[in-house]
Amino acid sequence: MTDLDTLIAQTPSSRAEALDGLEDGVWNRVAQTQARSRERKLRVAALCVAAGIGGVAGGVSAPAVDQGRSELTVFSPRMAAAPLDMRSVLG
């Protein structure tokens, strides 16, 4: 059986080479994560602004609904909640 120290000495050392760019790789990944976070916040802010503009524009340009009386007024929830003697007066 071969001695463990002999096996370690015969194995090429690739670990030192692999650690050379480790710190740069870590900082690159940290920068990418921060960039994605900023991009996500920017998208949410843009969505909120677009929804606000759409809500304001829709509210301003919405046509006024005419609340005139119709023949179906007797079936409205307001009429269903009115007392029986008031129904003849209201409609």
N, C-alpha and C. Protein backbone atom coordinates (compact mmCIF):
# COMPACT_ATOMS: atom_id res chain seq x y z
N MET A 1 0.84 -1.16 0.00
CA MET A 1 0.00 0.00 0.00
C MET A 1 0.90 1.24 0.00
N THR A 2 0.46 2.25 -0.71
CA THR A 2 1.25 3.46 -0.86
C THR A 2 0.93 4.42 0.29
N ASP A 3 1.96 5.06 0.71
CA ASP A 3 1.83 6.01 1.79
C ASP A 3 0.98 7.21 1.34
N LEU A 4 0.17 7.72 2.21
CA LEU A 4 -0.71 8.84 1.88
C LEU A 4 0.08 10.08 1.51
N ASP A 5 1.18 10.35 2.19
CA ASP A 5 2.01 11.51 1.88
C ASP A 5 2.60 11.41 0.48
N THR A 6 2.94 10.22 0.03
CA THR A 6 3.48 10.03 -1.31
C THR A 6 2.40 10.32 -2.36
N LEU A 7 1.17 9.88 -2.11
CA LEU A 7 0.08 10.15 -3.04
C LEU A 7 -0.21 11.66 -3.13
N ILE A 8 -0.18 12.33 -2.01
CA ILE A 8 -0.43 13.77 -2.02
C ILE A 8 0.67 14.49 -2.77
N ALA A 9 1.89 14.07 -2.60
CA ALA A 9 3.02 14.71 -3.28
C ALA A 9 2.97 14.46 -4.78
N GLN A 10 2.46 13.33 -5.23
CA GLN A 10 2.41 13.02 -6.65
C GLN A 10 1.23 13.71 -7.37
N THR A 11 0.22 14.10 -6.63
CA THR A 11 -0.96 14.73 -7.22
C THR A 11 -0.62 16.17 -7.62
N PRO A 12 -0.94 16.57 -8.86
CA PRO A 12 -0.67 17.95 -9.27
C PRO A 12 -1.60 18.91 -8.51
N SER A 13 -1.06 20.02 -8.17
CA SER A 13 -1.80 21.00 -7.38
C SER A 13 -2.57 21.94 -8.31
N SER A 14 -3.84 21.66 -8.50
CA SER A 14 -4.68 22.52 -9.34
C SER A 14 -5.51 23.46 -8.49
N ARG A 15 -5.50 23.24 -7.20
CA ARG A 15 -6.32 24.05 -6.31
C ARG A 15 -5.83 25.49 -6.24
N ALA A 16 -4.56 25.72 -6.23
CA ALA A 16 -4.02 27.08 -6.16
C ALA A 16 -4.39 27.87 -7.41
N GLU A 17 -4.40 27.21 -8.56
CA GLU A 17 -4.76 27.88 -9.80
C GLU A 17 -6.26 28.21 -9.82
N ALA A 18 -7.08 27.35 -9.26
CA ALA A 18 -8.51 27.57 -9.26
C ALA A 18 -8.92 28.73 -8.35
N LEU A 19 -8.12 29.01 -7.34
CA LEU A 19 -8.45 30.07 -6.40
C LEU A 19 -7.98 31.45 -6.86
N ASP A 20 -7.22 31.49 -7.97
CA ASP A 20 -6.70 32.78 -8.43
C ASP A 20 -7.82 33.75 -8.80
N GLY A 21 -8.85 33.32 -9.48
CA GLY A 21 -9.92 34.22 -9.91
C GLY A 21 -11.17 34.14 -9.05
N LEU A 22 -11.06 33.52 -7.90
CA LEU A 22 -12.22 33.32 -7.05
C LEU A 22 -12.81 34.64 -6.56
N GLU A 23 -11.97 35.52 -6.05
CA GLU A 23 -12.46 36.78 -5.50
C GLU A 23 -13.12 37.63 -6.58
N ASP A 24 -12.51 37.70 -7.75
CA ASP A 24 -13.10 38.47 -8.85
C ASP A 24 -14.45 37.88 -9.27
N GLY A 25 -14.54 36.57 -9.29
CA GLY A 25 -15.80 35.92 -9.64
C GLY A 25 -16.89 36.21 -8.63
N VAL A 26 -16.53 36.21 -7.36
CA VAL A 26 -17.51 36.49 -6.31
C VAL A 26 -18.01 37.93 -6.45
N TRP A 27 -17.10 38.87 -6.65
CA TRP A 27 -17.52 40.27 -6.77
C TRP A 27 -18.33 40.51 -8.04
N ASN A 28 -18.04 39.76 -9.10
CA ASN A 28 -18.85 39.88 -10.32
C ASN A 28 -20.28 39.39 -10.08
N ARG A 29 -20.40 38.29 -9.35
CA ARG A 29 -21.74 37.79 -9.04
C ARG A 29 -22.50 38.73 -8.11
N VAL A 30 -21.81 39.34 -7.16
CA VAL A 30 -22.45 40.32 -6.28
C VAL A 30 -22.94 41.52 -7.09
N ALA A 31 -22.13 41.99 -8.02
CA ALA A 31 -22.54 43.12 -8.87
C ALA A 31 -23.73 42.75 -9.75
N GLN A 32 -23.75 41.54 -10.27
CA GLN A 32 -24.89 41.09 -11.08
C GLN A 32 -26.17 41.02 -10.25
N THR A 33 -26.06 40.54 -9.03
CA THR A 33 -27.22 40.46 -8.15
C THR A 33 -27.75 41.85 -7.82
N GLN A 34 -26.86 42.79 -7.54
CA GLN A 34 -27.29 44.15 -7.25
C GLN A 34 -27.93 44.80 -8.48
N ALA A 35 -27.38 44.53 -9.66
CA ALA A 35 -27.95 45.09 -10.89
C ALA A 35 -29.35 44.53 -11.14
N ARG A 36 -29.54 43.24 -10.91
CA ARG A 36 -30.87 42.65 -11.07
C ARG A 36 -31.87 43.24 -10.08
N SER A 37 -31.42 43.50 -8.86
CA SER A 37 -32.29 44.09 -7.86
C SER A 37 -32.71 45.50 -8.26
N ARG A 38 -31.75 46.30 -8.75
CA ARG A 38 -32.07 47.65 -9.21
C ARG A 38 -33.02 47.61 -10.40
N GLU A 39 -32.78 46.68 -11.31
CA GLU A 39 -33.63 46.54 -12.50
C GLU A 39 -35.06 46.16 -12.10
N ARG A 40 -35.19 45.28 -11.13
CA ARG A 40 -36.50 44.86 -10.65
C ARG A 40 -37.25 46.05 -10.03
N LYS A 41 -36.54 46.85 -9.22
CA LYS A 41 -37.16 48.02 -8.59
C LYS A 41 -37.59 49.03 -9.65
N LEU A 42 -36.77 49.21 -10.68
CA LEU A 42 -37.10 50.13 -11.75
C LEU A 42 -38.33 49.66 -12.52
N ARG A 43 -38.45 48.37 -12.76
CA ARG A 43 -39.62 47.84 -13.45
C ARG A 43 -40.89 48.03 -12.63
N VAL A 44 -40.81 47.81 -11.33
CA VAL A 44 -41.98 48.00 -10.47
C VAL A 44 -42.38 49.47 -10.45
N ALA A 45 -41.40 50.37 -10.37
CA ALA A 45 -41.71 51.80 -10.38
C ALA A 45 -42.34 52.21 -11.70
N ALA A 46 -41.83 51.70 -12.82
CA ALA A 46 -42.40 52.02 -14.13
C ALA A 46 -43.83 51.49 -14.24
N LEU A 47 -44.07 50.30 -13.71
CA LEU A 47 -45.41 49.73 -13.73
C LEU A 47 -46.38 50.57 -12.90
N CYS A 48 -45.93 51.04 -11.74
CA CYS A 48 -46.79 51.88 -10.89
C CYS A 48 -47.11 53.21 -11.57
N VAL A 49 -46.11 53.82 -12.20
CA VAL A 49 -46.34 55.08 -12.91
C VAL A 49 -47.31 54.87 -14.07
N ALA A 50 -47.13 53.80 -14.83
CA ALA A 50 -48.02 53.51 -15.95
C ALA A 50 -49.45 53.25 -15.47
N ALA A 51 -49.60 52.53 -14.37
CA ALA A 51 -50.94 52.28 -13.83
C ALA A 51 -51.58 53.58 -13.35
N GLY A 52 -50.80 54.43 -12.72
CA GLY A 52 -51.32 55.72 -12.26
C GLY A 52 -51.76 56.60 -13.42
N ILE A 53 -50.94 56.68 -14.44
CA ILE A 53 -51.29 57.48 -15.62
C ILE A 53 -52.53 56.90 -16.30
N GLY A 54 -52.60 55.58 -16.41
CA GLY A 54 -53.77 54.95 -17.01
C GLY A 54 -55.03 55.20 -16.20
N GLY A 55 -54.92 55.15 -14.90
CA GLY A 55 -56.08 55.41 -14.04
C GLY A 55 -56.56 56.84 -14.16
N VAL A 56 -55.62 57.79 -14.16
CA VAL A 56 -56.00 59.20 -14.29
C VAL A 56 -56.59 59.46 -15.66
N ALA A 57 -55.94 58.95 -16.70
CA ALA A 57 -56.43 59.18 -18.06
C ALA A 57 -57.80 58.53 -18.26
N GLY A 58 -58.00 57.36 -17.72
CA GLY A 58 -59.29 56.69 -17.84
C GLY A 58 -60.37 57.40 -17.06
N GLY A 59 -60.03 57.94 -15.91
CA GLY A 59 -61.02 58.67 -15.12
C GLY A 59 -61.40 59.99 -15.75
N VAL A 60 -60.44 60.66 -16.38
CA VAL A 60 -60.72 61.94 -17.01
C VAL A 60 -61.52 61.76 -18.29
N SER A 61 -61.18 60.74 -19.06
CA SER A 61 -61.81 60.58 -20.37
C SER A 61 -63.05 59.67 -20.34
N ALA A 62 -63.42 59.16 -19.19
CA ALA A 62 -64.59 58.28 -19.12
C ALA A 62 -65.85 59.09 -19.36
N PRO A 63 -66.75 58.58 -20.16
CA PRO A 63 -67.99 59.32 -20.41
C PRO A 63 -68.88 59.32 -19.17
N ALA A 64 -69.60 60.39 -19.00
CA ALA A 64 -70.52 60.48 -17.86
C ALA A 64 -71.69 59.54 -18.12
N VAL A 65 -72.04 58.75 -17.14
CA VAL A 65 -73.12 57.79 -17.28
C VAL A 65 -74.42 58.47 -16.86
N ASP A 66 -75.40 58.43 -17.74
CA ASP A 66 -76.70 59.03 -17.44
C ASP A 66 -77.48 58.10 -16.52
N GLN A 67 -77.83 58.59 -15.37
CA GLN A 67 -78.56 57.79 -14.38
C GLN A 67 -80.06 58.05 -14.48
N GLY A 68 -80.56 58.12 -15.69
CA GLY A 68 -81.99 58.36 -15.88
C GLY A 68 -82.82 57.17 -15.43
N ARG A 69 -84.07 57.43 -15.24
CA ARG A 69 -84.98 56.37 -14.81
C ARG A 69 -85.32 55.48 -16.00
N SER A 70 -85.43 54.22 -15.75
CA SER A 70 -85.82 53.28 -16.79
C SER A 70 -86.99 52.44 -16.31
N GLU A 71 -87.50 51.62 -17.21
CA GLU A 71 -88.63 50.77 -16.83
C GLU A 71 -88.21 49.67 -15.85
N LEU A 72 -86.92 49.37 -15.79
CA LEU A 72 -86.44 48.29 -14.92
C LEU A 72 -86.07 48.78 -13.53
N THR A 73 -86.44 50.01 -13.18
CA THR A 73 -86.10 50.56 -11.87
C THR A 73 -86.74 49.75 -10.74
N VAL A 74 -87.87 49.15 -11.01
CA VAL A 74 -88.55 48.39 -9.95
C VAL A 74 -87.76 47.16 -9.53
N PHE A 75 -86.82 46.71 -10.36
CA PHE A 75 -86.01 45.54 -10.02
C PHE A 75 -84.67 45.91 -9.37
N SER A 76 -84.44 47.16 -9.09
CA SER A 76 -83.16 47.60 -8.52
C SER A 76 -83.08 47.22 -7.05
N PRO A 77 -81.88 47.11 -6.51
CA PRO A 77 -81.73 46.80 -5.08
C PRO A 77 -82.32 47.88 -4.18
N ARG A 78 -82.32 49.12 -4.67
CA ARG A 78 -82.89 50.21 -3.87
C ARG A 78 -84.39 49.98 -3.68
N MET A 79 -85.07 49.56 -4.74
CA MET A 79 -86.51 49.32 -4.64
C MET A 79 -86.80 48.07 -3.80
N ALA A 80 -85.93 47.08 -3.85
CA ALA A 80 -86.15 45.88 -3.05
C ALA A 80 -86.01 46.17 -1.57
N ALA A 81 -85.21 47.16 -1.22
CA ALA A 81 -85.01 47.49 0.18
C ALA A 81 -86.04 48.49 0.71
N ALA A 82 -86.81 49.08 -0.18
CA ALA A 82 -87.81 50.07 0.25
C ALA A 82 -89.03 49.37 0.83
N PRO A 83 -89.69 50.00 1.79
CA PRO A 83 -90.93 49.41 2.33
C PRO A 83 -92.02 49.38 1.26
N LEU A 84 -92.98 48.50 1.44
CA LEU A 84 -94.02 48.30 0.43
C LEU A 84 -94.82 49.56 0.15
N ASP A 85 -95.15 50.35 1.15
CA ASP A 85 -95.96 51.54 0.92
C ASP A 85 -95.18 52.63 0.20
N MET A 86 -93.85 52.61 0.24
CA MET A 86 -93.04 53.62 -0.43
C MET A 86 -92.84 53.29 -1.92
N ARG A 87 -93.02 52.04 -2.31
CA ARG A 87 -92.78 51.66 -3.69
C ARG A 87 -93.71 52.38 -4.66
N SER A 88 -94.91 52.59 -4.27
CA SER A 88 -95.84 53.27 -5.18
C SER A 88 -95.47 54.73 -5.33
N VAL A 89 -94.87 55.33 -4.33
CA VAL A 89 -94.46 56.73 -4.40
C VAL A 89 -93.19 56.88 -5.22
N LEU A 90 -92.24 55.95 -5.05
CA LEU A 90 -90.95 56.06 -5.74
C LEU A 90 -91.00 55.67 -7.19
N GLY A 91 -91.88 54.81 -7.58
CA GLY A 91 -91.70 54.46 -8.94
C GLY A 91 -92.64 53.60 -9.59
